[in-house]
PDB file of all heavy atoms in Angstrom:
ATOM      1  N   ALA A   1     -49.445  -5.435 -22.565  1.00  0.00           N
ATOM      2  CA  ALA A   1     -48.882  -4.118 -22.240  1.00  0.00           C
ATOM      3  C   ALA A   1     -49.983  -3.110 -21.935  1.00  0.00           C
ATOM      4  O   ALA A   1     -49.865  -2.326 -20.984  1.00  0.00           O
ATOM      5  CB  ALA A   1     -48.012  -3.631 -23.394  1.00  0.00           C
ATOM      6  N   VAL A   2     -51.063  -3.131 -22.706  1.00  0.00           N
ATOM      7  CA  VAL A   2     -52.175  -2.213 -22.447  1.00  0.00           C
ATOM      8  C   VAL A   2     -52.809  -2.536 -21.091  1.00  0.00           C
ATOM      9  O   VAL A   2     -53.139  -1.632 -20.315  1.00  0.00           O
ATOM     10  CB  VAL A   2     -53.211  -2.279 -23.594  1.00  0.00           C
ATOM     11  CG1 VAL A   2     -54.500  -1.573 -23.226  1.00  0.00           C
ATOM     12  CG2 VAL A   2     -52.631  -1.668 -24.854  1.00  0.00           C
ATOM     13  N   GLY A   3     -52.971  -3.826 -20.798  1.00  0.00           N
ATOM     14  CA  GLY A   3     -53.530  -4.215 -19.499  1.00  0.00           C
ATOM     15  C   GLY A   3     -52.658  -3.771 -18.343  1.00  0.00           C
ATOM     16  O   GLY A   3     -53.159  -3.310 -17.305  1.00  0.00           O
ATOM     17  N   MET A   4     -51.352  -3.907 -18.491  1.00  0.00           N
ATOM     18  CA  MET A   4     -50.441  -3.443 -17.441  1.00  0.00           C
ATOM     19  C   MET A   4     -50.509  -1.926 -17.282  1.00  0.00           C
ATOM     20  O   MET A   4     -50.456  -1.398 -16.162  1.00  0.00           O
ATOM     21  CB  MET A   4     -49.008  -3.874 -17.751  1.00  0.00           C
ATOM     22  CG  MET A   4     -48.799  -5.369 -17.695  1.00  0.00           C
ATOM     23  SD  MET A   4     -49.062  -6.070 -16.085  1.00  0.00           S
ATOM     24  CE  MET A   4     -47.637  -5.458 -15.240  1.00  0.00           C
ATOM     25  N   PHE A   5     -50.632  -1.222 -18.403  1.00  0.00           N
ATOM     26  CA  PHE A   5     -50.731   0.238 -18.340  1.00  0.00           C
ATOM     27  C   PHE A   5     -52.025   0.661 -17.646  1.00  0.00           C
ATOM     28  O   PHE A   5     -52.021   1.594 -16.828  1.00  0.00           O
ATOM     29  CB  PHE A   5     -50.652   0.837 -19.742  1.00  0.00           C
ATOM     30  CG  PHE A   5     -50.747   2.335 -19.757  1.00  0.00           C
ATOM     31  CD1 PHE A   5     -49.680   3.113 -19.339  1.00  0.00           C
ATOM     32  CD2 PHE A   5     -51.908   2.963 -20.169  1.00  0.00           C
ATOM     33  CE1 PHE A   5     -49.764   4.500 -19.334  1.00  0.00           C
ATOM     34  CE2 PHE A   5     -52.005   4.343 -20.171  1.00  0.00           C
ATOM     35  CZ  PHE A   5     -50.937   5.112 -19.757  1.00  0.00           C
ATOM     36  N   VAL A   6     -53.122  -0.008 -17.959  1.00  0.00           N
ATOM     37  CA  VAL A   6     -54.404   0.327 -17.321  1.00  0.00           C
ATOM     38  C   VAL A   6     -54.334   0.047 -15.823  1.00  0.00           C
ATOM     39  O   VAL A   6     -54.790   0.852 -15.005  1.00  0.00           O
ATOM     40  CB  VAL A   6     -55.558  -0.453 -17.995  1.00  0.00           C
ATOM     41  CG1 VAL A   6     -56.844  -0.334 -17.198  1.00  0.00           C
ATOM     42  CG2 VAL A   6     -55.772   0.044 -19.413  1.00  0.00           C
ATOM     43  N   ALA A   7     -53.742  -1.086 -15.442  1.00  0.00           N
ATOM     44  CA  ALA A   7     -53.624  -1.417 -14.021  1.00  0.00           C
ATOM     45  C   ALA A   7     -52.696  -0.448 -13.306  1.00  0.00           C
ATOM     46  O   ALA A   7     -52.859  -0.189 -12.108  1.00  0.00           O
ATOM     47  CB  ALA A   7     -53.120  -2.849 -13.862  1.00  0.00           C
ATOM     48  N   TRP A   8     -51.742   0.111 -14.011  1.00  0.00           N
ATOM     49  CA  TRP A   8     -50.791   1.052 -13.430  1.00  0.00           C
ATOM     50  C   TRP A   8     -51.444   2.402 -13.104  1.00  0.00           C
ATOM     51  O   TRP A   8     -50.929   3.162 -12.274  1.00  0.00           O
ATOM     52  CB  TRP A   8     -49.638   1.224 -14.410  1.00  0.00           C
ATOM     53  CG  TRP A   8     -48.556   2.148 -13.963  1.00  0.00           C
ATOM     54  CD1 TRP A   8     -47.747   2.001 -12.884  1.00  0.00           C
ATOM     55  CD2 TRP A   8     -48.158   3.360 -14.591  1.00  0.00           C
ATOM     56  NE1 TRP A   8     -46.857   3.040 -12.805  1.00  0.00           N
ATOM     57  CE2 TRP A   8     -47.093   3.892 -13.855  1.00  0.00           C
ATOM     58  CE3 TRP A   8     -48.595   4.048 -15.723  1.00  0.00           C
ATOM     59  CZ2 TRP A   8     -46.476   5.077 -14.195  1.00  0.00           C
ATOM     60  CZ3 TRP A   8     -47.973   5.223 -16.061  1.00  0.00           C
ATOM     61  CH2 TRP A   8     -46.930   5.723 -15.305  1.00  0.00           C
ATOM     62  N   GLN A   9     -52.590   2.673 -13.714  1.00  0.00           N
ATOM     63  CA  GLN A   9     -53.252   3.963 -13.508  1.00  0.00           C
ATOM     64  C   GLN A   9     -53.781   4.145 -12.097  1.00  0.00           C
ATOM     65  O   GLN A   9     -54.039   5.255 -11.682  1.00  0.00           O
ATOM     66  CB  GLN A   9     -54.398   4.132 -14.519  1.00  0.00           C
ATOM     67  CG  GLN A   9     -53.941   4.181 -15.960  1.00  0.00           C
ATOM     68  CD  GLN A   9     -53.001   5.341 -16.222  1.00  0.00           C
ATOM     69  OE1 GLN A   9     -53.222   6.467 -15.792  1.00  0.00           O
ATOM     70  NE2 GLN A   9     -51.920   5.050 -16.927  1.00  0.00           N
ATOM     71  N   GLY A  10     -53.951   3.080 -11.378  1.00  0.00           N
ATOM     72  CA  GLY A  10     -54.409   3.202  -9.986  1.00  0.00           C
ATOM     73  C   GLY A  10     -55.214   1.986  -9.590  1.00  0.00           C
ATOM     74  O   GLY A  10     -55.601   1.152 -10.421  1.00  0.00           O
ATOM     75  N   SER A  11     -55.491   1.896  -8.287  1.00  0.00           N
ATOM     76  CA  SER A  11     -56.198   0.724  -7.785  1.00  0.00           C
ATOM     77  C   SER A  11     -57.636   0.667  -8.301  1.00  0.00           C
ATOM     78  O   SER A  11     -58.244  -0.402  -8.320  1.00  0.00           O
ATOM     79  CB  SER A  11     -56.189   0.722  -6.260  1.00  0.00           C
ATOM     80  OG  SER A  11     -56.837   1.877  -5.770  1.00  0.00           O
ATOM     81  N   LYS A  12     -58.155   1.790  -8.716  1.00  0.00           N
ATOM     82  CA  LYS A  12     -59.510   1.827  -9.264  1.00  0.00           C
ATOM     83  C   LYS A  12     -59.600   1.033 -10.567  1.00  0.00           C
ATOM     84  O   LYS A  12     -60.635   0.444 -10.872  1.00  0.00           O
ATOM     85  CB  LYS A  12     -59.911   3.287  -9.496  1.00  0.00           C
ATOM     86  CG  LYS A  12     -61.290   3.493 -10.018  1.00  0.00           C
ATOM     87  CD  LYS A  12     -61.559   4.987 -10.159  1.00  0.00           C
ATOM     88  CE  LYS A  12     -62.917   5.243 -10.784  1.00  0.00           C
ATOM     89  NZ  LYS A  12     -63.168   6.665 -10.971  1.00  0.00           N
ATOM     90  N   TYR A  13     -58.496   0.969 -11.324  1.00  0.00           N
ATOM     91  CA  TYR A  13     -58.477   0.312 -12.627  1.00  0.00           C
ATOM     92  C   TYR A  13     -57.709  -1.013 -12.624  1.00  0.00           C
ATOM     93  O   TYR A  13     -57.484  -1.590 -13.688  1.00  0.00           O
ATOM     94  CB  TYR A  13     -57.844   1.236 -13.671  1.00  0.00           C
ATOM     95  CG  TYR A  13     -58.553   2.556 -13.791  1.00  0.00           C
ATOM     96  CD1 TYR A  13     -57.986   3.710 -13.274  1.00  0.00           C
ATOM     97  CD2 TYR A  13     -59.794   2.643 -14.402  1.00  0.00           C
ATOM     98  CE1 TYR A  13     -58.629   4.924 -13.376  1.00  0.00           C
ATOM     99  CE2 TYR A  13     -60.448   3.845 -14.514  1.00  0.00           C
ATOM    100  CZ  TYR A  13     -59.860   4.988 -13.997  1.00  0.00           C
ATOM    101  OH  TYR A  13     -60.507   6.181 -14.104  1.00  0.00           O
ATOM    102  N   ALA A  14     -57.311  -1.485 -11.455  1.00  0.00           N
ATOM    103  CA  ALA A  14     -56.499  -2.704 -11.385  1.00  0.00           C
ATOM    104  C   ALA A  14     -57.259  -3.914 -11.908  1.00  0.00           C
ATOM    105  O   ALA A  14     -56.690  -4.770 -12.597  1.00  0.00           O
ATOM    106  CB  ALA A  14     -56.030  -2.950  -9.958  1.00  0.00           C
ATOM    107  N   GLY A  15     -58.539  -3.999 -11.598  1.00  0.00           N
ATOM    108  CA  GLY A  15     -59.338  -5.128 -12.066  1.00  0.00           C
ATOM    109  C   GLY A  15     -59.471  -5.149 -13.575  1.00  0.00           C
ATOM    110  O   GLY A  15     -59.376  -6.211 -14.210  1.00  0.00           O
ATOM    111  N   ARG A  16     -59.677  -3.971 -14.163  1.00  0.00           N
ATOM    112  CA  ARG A  16     -59.790  -3.891 -15.631  1.00  0.00           C
ATOM    113  C   ARG A  16     -58.470  -4.248 -16.305  1.00  0.00           C
ATOM    114  O   ARG A  16     -58.444  -4.944 -17.311  1.00  0.00           O
ATOM    115  CB  ARG A  16     -60.218  -2.484 -16.045  1.00  0.00           C
ATOM    116  CG  ARG A  16     -61.617  -2.154 -15.667  1.00  0.00           C
ATOM    117  CD  ARG A  16     -61.975  -0.764 -16.120  1.00  0.00           C
ATOM    118  NE  ARG A  16     -63.281  -0.390 -15.594  1.00  0.00           N
ATOM    119  CZ  ARG A  16     -63.666   0.840 -15.429  1.00  0.00           C
ATOM    120  NH1 ARG A  16     -62.859   1.838 -15.754  1.00  0.00           N
ATOM    121  NH2 ARG A  16     -64.862   1.097 -14.951  1.00  0.00           N
ATOM    122  N   GLY A  17     -57.373  -3.764 -15.734  1.00  0.00           N
ATOM    123  CA  GLY A  17     -56.065  -4.075 -16.306  1.00  0.00           C
ATOM    124  C   GLY A  17     -55.737  -5.558 -16.209  1.00  0.00           C
ATOM    125  O   GLY A  17     -55.245  -6.166 -17.168  1.00  0.00           O
ATOM    126  N   ALA A  18     -56.024  -6.154 -15.064  1.00  0.00           N
ATOM    127  CA  ALA A  18     -55.784  -7.583 -14.903  1.00  0.00           C
ATOM    128  C   ALA A  18     -56.682  -8.384 -15.834  1.00  0.00           C
ATOM    129  O   ALA A  18     -56.280  -9.428 -16.364  1.00  0.00           O
ATOM    130  CB  ALA A  18     -56.006  -7.996 -13.454  1.00  0.00           C
ATOM    131  N   GLY A  19     -57.909  -7.907 -16.048  1.00  0.00           N
ATOM    132  CA  GLY A  19     -58.809  -8.570 -16.991  1.00  0.00           C
ATOM    133  C   GLY A  19     -58.256  -8.541 -18.409  1.00  0.00           C
ATOM    134  O   GLY A  19     -58.352  -9.525 -19.149  1.00  0.00           O
ATOM    135  N   LEU A  20     -57.667  -7.411 -18.796  1.00  0.00           N
ATOM    136  CA  LEU A  20     -57.055  -7.315 -20.128  1.00  0.00           C
ATOM    137  C   LEU A  20     -55.847  -8.246 -20.272  1.00  0.00           C
ATOM    138  O   LEU A  20     -55.668  -8.880 -21.311  1.00  0.00           O
ATOM    139  CB  LEU A  20     -56.626  -5.873 -20.414  1.00  0.00           C
ATOM    140  CG  LEU A  20     -57.712  -4.933 -20.905  1.00  0.00           C
ATOM    141  CD1 LEU A  20     -57.189  -3.503 -20.941  1.00  0.00           C
ATOM    142  CD2 LEU A  20     -58.170  -5.348 -22.277  1.00  0.00           C
ATOM    143  N   VAL A  21     -55.041  -8.333 -19.223  1.00  0.00           N
ATOM    144  CA  VAL A  21     -53.878  -9.229 -19.268  1.00  0.00           C
ATOM    145  C   VAL A  21     -54.343 -10.677 -19.371  1.00  0.00           C
ATOM    146  O   VAL A  21     -53.837 -11.457 -20.181  1.00  0.00           O
ATOM    147  CB  VAL A  21     -52.976  -9.010 -18.025  1.00  0.00           C
ATOM    148  CG1 VAL A  21     -51.908 -10.077 -17.953  1.00  0.00           C
ATOM    149  CG2 VAL A  21     -52.343  -7.637 -18.072  1.00  0.00           C
ATOM    150  N   GLY A  22     -55.325 -11.064 -18.562  1.00  0.00           N
ATOM    151  CA  GLY A  22     -55.844 -12.427 -18.604  1.00  0.00           C
ATOM    152  C   GLY A  22     -56.471 -12.761 -19.944  1.00  0.00           C
ATOM    153  O   GLY A  22     -56.267 -13.856 -20.490  1.00  0.00           O
ATOM    154  N   ALA A  23     -57.235 -11.813 -20.490  1.00  0.00           N
ATOM    155  CA  ALA A  23     -57.852 -12.039 -21.798  1.00  0.00           C
ATOM    156  C   ALA A  23     -56.795 -12.145 -22.893  1.00  0.00           C
ATOM    157  O   ALA A  23     -56.938 -12.952 -23.825  1.00  0.00           O
ATOM    158  CB  ALA A  23     -58.830 -10.912 -22.102  1.00  0.00           C
ATOM    159  N   SER A  24     -55.730 -11.383 -22.787  1.00  0.00           N
ATOM    160  CA  SER A  24     -54.654 -11.457 -23.775  1.00  0.00           C
ATOM    161  C   SER A  24     -53.959 -12.816 -23.732  1.00  0.00           C
ATOM    162  O   SER A  24     -53.648 -13.406 -24.770  1.00  0.00           O
ATOM    163  CB  SER A  24     -53.624 -10.358 -23.537  1.00  0.00           C
ATOM    164  OG  SER A  24     -54.207  -9.099 -23.731  1.00  0.00           O
ATOM    165  N   LEU A  25     -53.729 -13.325 -22.517  1.00  0.00           N
ATOM    166  CA  LEU A  25     -53.095 -14.636 -22.397  1.00  0.00           C
ATOM    167  C   LEU A  25     -54.013 -15.744 -22.906  1.00  0.00           C
ATOM    168  O   LEU A  25     -53.556 -16.697 -23.561  1.00  0.00           O
ATOM    169  CB  LEU A  25     -52.689 -14.892 -20.949  1.00  0.00           C
ATOM    170  CG  LEU A  25     -51.540 -14.023 -20.434  1.00  0.00           C
ATOM    171  CD1 LEU A  25     -51.333 -14.245 -18.949  1.00  0.00           C
ATOM    172  CD2 LEU A  25     -50.278 -14.313 -21.194  1.00  0.00           C
TER     173      LEU A  25
END
């Protein structure tokens, strides 16, 4: 959820959000 929220903040943070989702999985 945190990764999705970070990625939702904009394309500038999409990589960080996807990284959080991948690390969570």
